[in-house]
């Protein structure tokens, strides 16, 4: 096989891999996940943390919460914002995956198997008789 054949074979294999349903589904999930992350990030930074800063002392909100040690600023308010961001994302994923999808999986598992047909019962009896011989 020449170089041209190897290249076309490689391109064909890559095309088969890249256009499989699983890869496309994964790409869609990544894009939706990134958009979901931006929404949660906005929720935390623009709604939750400003509400928390109303309760906590400080004039400029959580962004201005800093420790100053030896002239160095340590912005712990931003860190707390990222922790809240993570917790909200984790809660949303938990509710969706465990509670929502878990209920769907349980309902599928609870369905009893269908009764065997007459043909299946007869084949089972024949199999059992042959095993006993």
Protein backbone atom coordinates (compact mmCIF):
# COMPACT_ATOMS: atom_id res chain seq x y z
CA UNK A 1 0.00 0.00 0.00
CA UNK A 2 1.46 3.33 -1.04
CA UNK A 3 1.57 6.56 0.91
CA UNK A 4 -1.56 7.81 -0.82
CA UNK A 5 -3.45 4.64 0.18
CA UNK A 6 -2.29 4.96 3.81
CA UNK A 7 -3.40 8.59 3.96
CA UNK A 8 -6.81 7.86 2.47
CA UNK A 9 -7.20 4.88 4.82
CA UNK A 10 -6.29 7.06 7.79
CA UNK A 11 -8.75 9.76 6.69
CA UNK A 12 -11.47 7.14 6.22
CA UNK A 13 -10.86 5.71 9.71
CA UNK A 14 -10.90 9.20 11.21
CA UNK A 15 -14.14 10.06 9.40
CA UNK A 16 -15.76 6.87 10.70
CA UNK A 17 -14.59 7.68 14.23
CA UNK A 18 -15.52 11.37 14.22
CA UNK A 19 -18.96 10.89 12.72
CA UNK A 20 -20.09 8.10 15.03
CA UNK A 21 -23.13 8.95 17.10
CA UNK A 22 -21.30 8.67 20.43
CA UNK A 23 -18.66 11.26 19.49
CA UNK A 24 -21.26 13.70 18.23
CA UNK A 25 -23.38 13.16 21.36
CA UNK A 26 -20.31 13.80 23.51
CA UNK A 27 -19.53 17.02 21.61
CA UNK A 28 -23.10 18.23 22.09
CA UNK A 29 -22.91 17.38 25.81
CA UNK A 30 -19.68 19.38 26.17
CA UNK A 31 -21.19 22.44 24.47
CA UNK A 32 -24.36 22.25 26.56
CA UNK A 33 -22.28 21.67 29.69
CA UNK A 34 -20.20 24.77 28.97
CA UNK A 35 -23.35 26.85 28.48
CA UNK A 36 -24.82 25.41 31.69
CA UNK A 37 -21.60 26.31 33.51
CA UNK A 38 -21.85 29.91 32.30
CA UNK A 39 -25.44 30.14 33.51
CA UNK A 40 -24.52 28.80 36.94
CA UNK A 41 -21.48 31.10 37.08
CA UNK A 42 -23.71 34.10 36.33
CA UNK A 43 -26.26 32.95 38.93
CA UNK A 44 -23.57 32.73 41.60
CA UNK A 45 -21.71 35.94 40.71
CA UNK A 46 -24.72 38.15 39.96
CA UNK A 47 -27.40 36.88 42.34
CA UNK A 48 -26.24 34.54 45.13
CA UNK A 49 -22.98 36.23 46.14
CA UNK A 50 -24.45 39.78 46.11
CA UNK A 51 -27.24 38.48 48.35
CA UNK A 52 -24.64 36.98 50.67
CA UNK A 53 -22.72 40.27 50.66
CA UNK A 54 -25.88 42.03 51.92
CA UNK A 55 -25.70 39.92 55.07
CA UNK A 56 -21.94 40.06 55.46
CA UNK A 57 -20.18 43.32 56.29
CA UNK A 58 -18.39 45.14 53.51
CA UNK A 59 -19.06 48.04 51.20
CA UNK A 60 -18.14 46.58 47.80
CA UNK A 61 -19.49 43.08 48.18
CA UNK A 62 -17.66 39.79 48.16
CA UNK A 63 -15.22 40.81 45.41
CA UNK A 64 -13.59 43.26 47.78
CA UNK A 65 -13.21 40.74 50.63
CA UNK A 66 -9.45 40.48 51.05
CA UNK A 67 -6.88 39.75 53.66
CA UNK A 68 -3.76 41.88 53.53
CA UNK A 69 -0.72 40.09 54.89
CA UNK A 70 2.69 41.78 54.61
CA UNK A 71 1.33 44.06 51.90
CA UNK A 72 0.06 41.15 49.81
CA UNK A 73 -3.64 40.89 49.01
CA UNK A 74 -5.36 37.53 49.37
CA UNK A 75 -8.81 37.80 47.73
CA UNK A 76 -10.72 35.20 49.74
CA UNK A 77 -14.05 36.63 48.54
CA UNK A 78 -13.36 35.47 44.99
CA UNK A 79 -12.41 32.05 46.35
CA UNK A 80 -15.66 31.85 48.30
CA UNK A 81 -17.54 32.78 45.12
CA UNK A 82 -15.91 29.88 43.27
CA UNK A 83 -16.78 27.49 46.12
CA UNK A 84 -20.42 28.56 45.96
CA UNK A 85 -20.28 28.20 42.17
CA UNK A 86 -18.99 24.63 42.52
CA UNK A 87 -21.62 23.73 45.12
CA UNK A 88 -24.46 25.03 42.95
CA UNK A 89 -23.19 23.08 39.92
CA UNK A 90 -22.74 19.94 42.03
CA UNK A 91 -26.27 20.30 43.43
CA UNK A 92 -27.77 20.79 39.98
CA UNK A 93 -25.92 17.76 38.60
CA UNK A 94 -26.92 15.66 41.60
CA UNK A 95 -30.57 16.58 41.22
CA UNK A 96 -30.52 15.89 37.49
CA UNK A 97 -28.46 12.70 37.42
CA UNK A 98 -29.42 10.99 40.68
CA UNK A 99 -32.95 12.17 41.25
CA UNK A 100 -34.29 12.75 37.72
CA UNK A 101 -32.41 10.09 35.76
CA UNK A 102 -32.41 7.75 38.75
CA UNK A 103 -36.20 7.80 38.76
CA UNK A 104 -36.23 7.02 35.05
CA UNK A 105 -33.85 4.09 35.58
CA UNK A 106 -35.86 2.74 38.53
CA UNK A 107 -39.09 2.82 36.56
CA UNK A 108 -37.40 0.81 33.80
CA UNK A 109 -36.00 -1.70 36.29
CA UNK A 110 -39.29 -2.24 38.10
CA UNK A 111 -41.10 -3.49 35.01
CA UNK A 112 -41.45 -7.27 35.24
CA UNK A 113 -40.19 -9.31 32.32
CA UNK A 114 -42.88 -10.35 29.85
CA UNK A 115 -44.39 -13.79 30.21
CA UNK A 116 -42.77 -16.38 27.96
CA UNK A 117 -44.72 -17.41 24.90
CA UNK A 118 -45.89 -20.99 24.36
CA UNK A 119 -43.02 -21.56 21.95
CA UNK A 120 -40.50 -20.34 24.51
CA UNK A 121 -42.00 -22.56 27.23
CA UNK A 122 -41.84 -25.59 24.90
CA UNK A 123 -38.22 -24.84 23.98
CA UNK A 124 -37.34 -24.47 27.66
CA UNK A 125 -38.88 -27.87 28.42
CA UNK A 126 -36.97 -29.47 25.53
CA UNK A 127 -33.72 -27.89 26.73
CA UNK A 128 -34.28 -29.14 30.27
CA UNK A 129 -35.08 -32.68 29.03
CA UNK A 130 -31.92 -32.73 26.94
CA UNK A 131 -29.84 -31.57 29.91
CA UNK A 132 -31.17 -34.40 32.07
CA UNK A 133 -30.19 -37.12 29.56
